[in-house]
Amino acid sequence: MGQSKPFRAMALIVEDDPMQRDLICLLLEESEVDVIECESAEAAELVLERAAGSLVLMMTDVQLAGNMDGVELAHIARKYNPDMGVIVTSGKPLHQELPDGVQVWSKPWAPLGVIREAERMVYERRRNDEARSRS
């Protein structure tokens, strides 16, 4: 009889600034969250097509490399996985409409906030998975 693997949370980080992306990834990995990194929304969309159901969190900047911005990506992410936590960060006020439930964080954001949000999303995912398995 095989053993089931323990749930390992996964996050998608979309940031064109390598230093910011590295910091977010380091924070999440310290919280035992696996990370997929992208610098453009187009690359992130490919990840969402293949793995959206496995993701508990996506954190994206508004300004990204490529033609699509983080707000457009947030709408796409919601279509692929409505239960995933989505955070959009920006150094400027946002004038575009975001999907319901998407959080907007102003830059500079607090590193502890990233850890707390990731841990909250992991907890929610585990709780939802347990509820589904009991049904």
Protein backbone atom coordinates (compact mmCIF):
# COMPACT_ATOMS: atom_id res chain seq x y z
CA MET A 1 0.00 0.00 0.00
CA GLY A 2 1.45 3.39 -1.01
CA GLN A 3 1.72 6.32 1.30
CA SER A 4 0.24 9.63 0.29
CA LYS A 5 2.66 12.50 0.03
CA PRO A 6 2.16 15.30 2.54
CA PHE A 7 0.71 18.46 1.03
CA ARG A 8 3.43 20.87 -0.03
CA ALA A 9 2.20 24.37 -0.81
CA MET A 10 3.28 26.06 -4.02
CA ALA A 11 3.33 29.76 -4.92
CA LEU A 12 3.82 31.60 -8.21
CA ILE A 13 5.92 34.75 -7.95
CA VAL A 14 5.80 37.14 -10.91
CA GLU A 15 8.24 40.02 -10.62
CA ASP A 16 10.59 41.50 -13.21
CA ASP A 17 13.01 42.90 -10.62
CA PRO A 18 15.37 40.00 -9.77
CA MET A 19 16.22 41.34 -6.30
CA GLN A 20 12.53 41.67 -5.33
CA ARG A 21 11.75 38.25 -6.80
CA ASP A 22 14.65 36.64 -4.94
CA LEU A 23 13.55 38.20 -1.64
CA ILE A 24 9.95 36.99 -2.01
CA CYS A 25 11.11 33.51 -2.99
CA LEU A 26 13.50 33.33 -0.04
CA LEU A 27 10.75 34.37 2.38
CA LEU A 28 8.35 31.77 1.01
CA GLU A 29 10.91 28.98 0.91
CA GLU A 30 11.72 29.70 4.57
CA SER A 31 8.01 29.12 5.21
CA GLU A 32 8.27 25.74 3.47
CA VAL A 33 6.41 26.88 0.37
CA ASP A 34 7.69 25.71 -3.01
CA VAL A 35 8.09 28.57 -5.47
CA ILE A 36 7.80 28.98 -9.21
CA GLU A 37 9.38 32.22 -10.44
CA CYS A 38 8.50 34.21 -13.57
CA GLU A 39 9.53 37.65 -14.74
CA SER A 40 6.67 38.15 -17.20
CA ALA A 41 2.93 37.66 -17.13
CA GLU A 42 3.14 35.65 -20.33
CA ALA A 43 5.46 33.11 -18.68
CA ALA A 44 3.21 33.04 -15.62
CA GLU A 45 0.15 32.35 -17.77
CA LEU A 46 1.85 29.21 -19.07
CA VAL A 47 2.43 28.08 -15.48
CA LEU A 48 -1.21 28.81 -14.63
CA GLU A 49 -2.38 26.73 -17.61
CA ARG A 50 -0.45 23.72 -16.34
CA ALA A 51 -0.43 24.04 -12.54
CA ALA A 52 -3.08 26.50 -11.32
CA GLY A 53 -4.80 23.84 -9.22
CA SER A 54 -1.59 23.20 -7.28
CA LEU A 55 -0.99 26.86 -6.41
CA VAL A 56 -2.11 28.39 -3.13
CA LEU A 57 -0.75 31.87 -3.83
CA MET A 58 0.27 34.12 -6.69
CA MET A 59 2.08 37.37 -5.97
CA THR A 60 2.67 39.72 -8.88
CA ASP A 61 3.90 43.21 -9.50
CA VAL A 62 1.79 45.44 -11.74
CA GLN A 63 4.70 46.45 -13.96
CA LEU A 64 6.25 43.39 -15.60
CA ALA A 65 8.46 42.46 -18.51
CA GLY A 66 6.40 41.67 -21.61
CA ASN A 67 3.13 43.04 -22.94
CA MET A 68 0.76 42.01 -20.15
CA ASP A 69 0.66 43.63 -16.72
CA GLY A 70 -0.01 42.13 -13.30
CA VAL A 71 -3.64 43.29 -13.22
CA GLU A 72 -4.42 41.40 -16.42
CA LEU A 73 -2.59 38.41 -14.96
CA ALA A 74 -4.71 38.58 -11.79
CA HIS A 75 -7.86 38.23 -13.92
CA ILE A 76 -6.37 35.22 -15.73
CA ALA A 77 -5.27 33.61 -12.45
CA ARG A 78 -8.81 33.92 -11.05
CA LYS A 79 -10.20 32.12 -14.11
CA TYR A 80 -7.78 29.21 -13.68
CA ASN A 81 -8.07 28.94 -9.88
CA PRO A 82 -10.73 31.06 -8.13
CA ASP A 83 -9.61 29.79 -4.69
CA MET A 84 -5.96 30.80 -5.04
CA GLY A 85 -4.77 33.79 -3.04
CA VAL A 86 -3.70 36.61 -5.37
CA ILE A 87 -1.66 39.62 -4.33
CA VAL A 88 -0.89 42.49 -6.72
CA THR A 89 1.87 44.86 -5.64
CA SER A 90 2.47 48.36 -6.93
CA GLY A 91 4.52 51.41 -6.12
CA LYS A 92 1.79 53.62 -7.63
CA PRO A 93 -1.97 53.89 -7.11
CA LEU A 94 -3.95 51.35 -9.14
CA HIS A 95 -6.62 52.64 -11.48
CA GLN A 96 -7.63 49.31 -12.98
CA GLU A 97 -10.32 47.07 -11.55
CA LEU A 98 -9.19 43.84 -9.93
CA PRO A 99 -11.16 40.61 -9.56
CA ASP A 100 -12.99 40.02 -6.28
CA GLY A 101 -10.77 38.81 -3.47
CA VAL A 102 -7.50 40.02 -5.00
CA GLN A 103 -5.37 41.95 -2.53
CA VAL A 104 -3.43 45.09 -3.44
CA TRP A 105 -0.23 45.76 -1.53
CA SER A 106 1.59 49.06 -1.82
CA LYS A 107 5.34 49.00 -2.16
CA PRO A 108 7.32 48.77 -0.07
CA TRP A 109 5.51 45.81 1.48
CA ALA A 110 6.54 44.18 4.75
CA PRO A 111 8.43 40.87 4.44
CA LEU A 112 6.51 39.52 7.43
CA GLY A 113 3.29 40.19 5.51
CA VAL A 114 4.42 37.84 2.74
CA ILE A 115 5.09 35.07 5.25
CA ARG A 116 1.79 35.61 7.08
CA GLU A 117 -0.26 35.61 3.89
CA ALA A 118 1.46 32.48 2.58
CA GLU A 119 0.85 30.67 5.86
CA ARG A 120 -2.79 31.79 5.88
CA MET A 121 -3.30 30.50 2.33
CA VAL A 122 -1.62 27.17 3.14
CA TYR A 123 -3.86 26.76 6.19
CA GLU A 124 -6.99 27.52 4.14
CA ARG A 125 -5.98 25.09 1.40
CA ARG A 126 -5.38 22.29 3.92
CA ARG A 127 -8.67 23.01 5.66
CA ASN A 128 -10.58 22.99 2.34
CA ASP A 129 -8.86 19.78 1.22
CA GLU A 130 -9.75 18.08 4.51
CA ALA A 131 -13.37 19.19 4.22
CA ARG A 132 -13.56 17.82 0.67
CA SER A 133 -12.04 14.50 1.69
CA ARG A 134 -14.67 14.08 4.43
CA SER A 135 -17.54 14.73 1.99
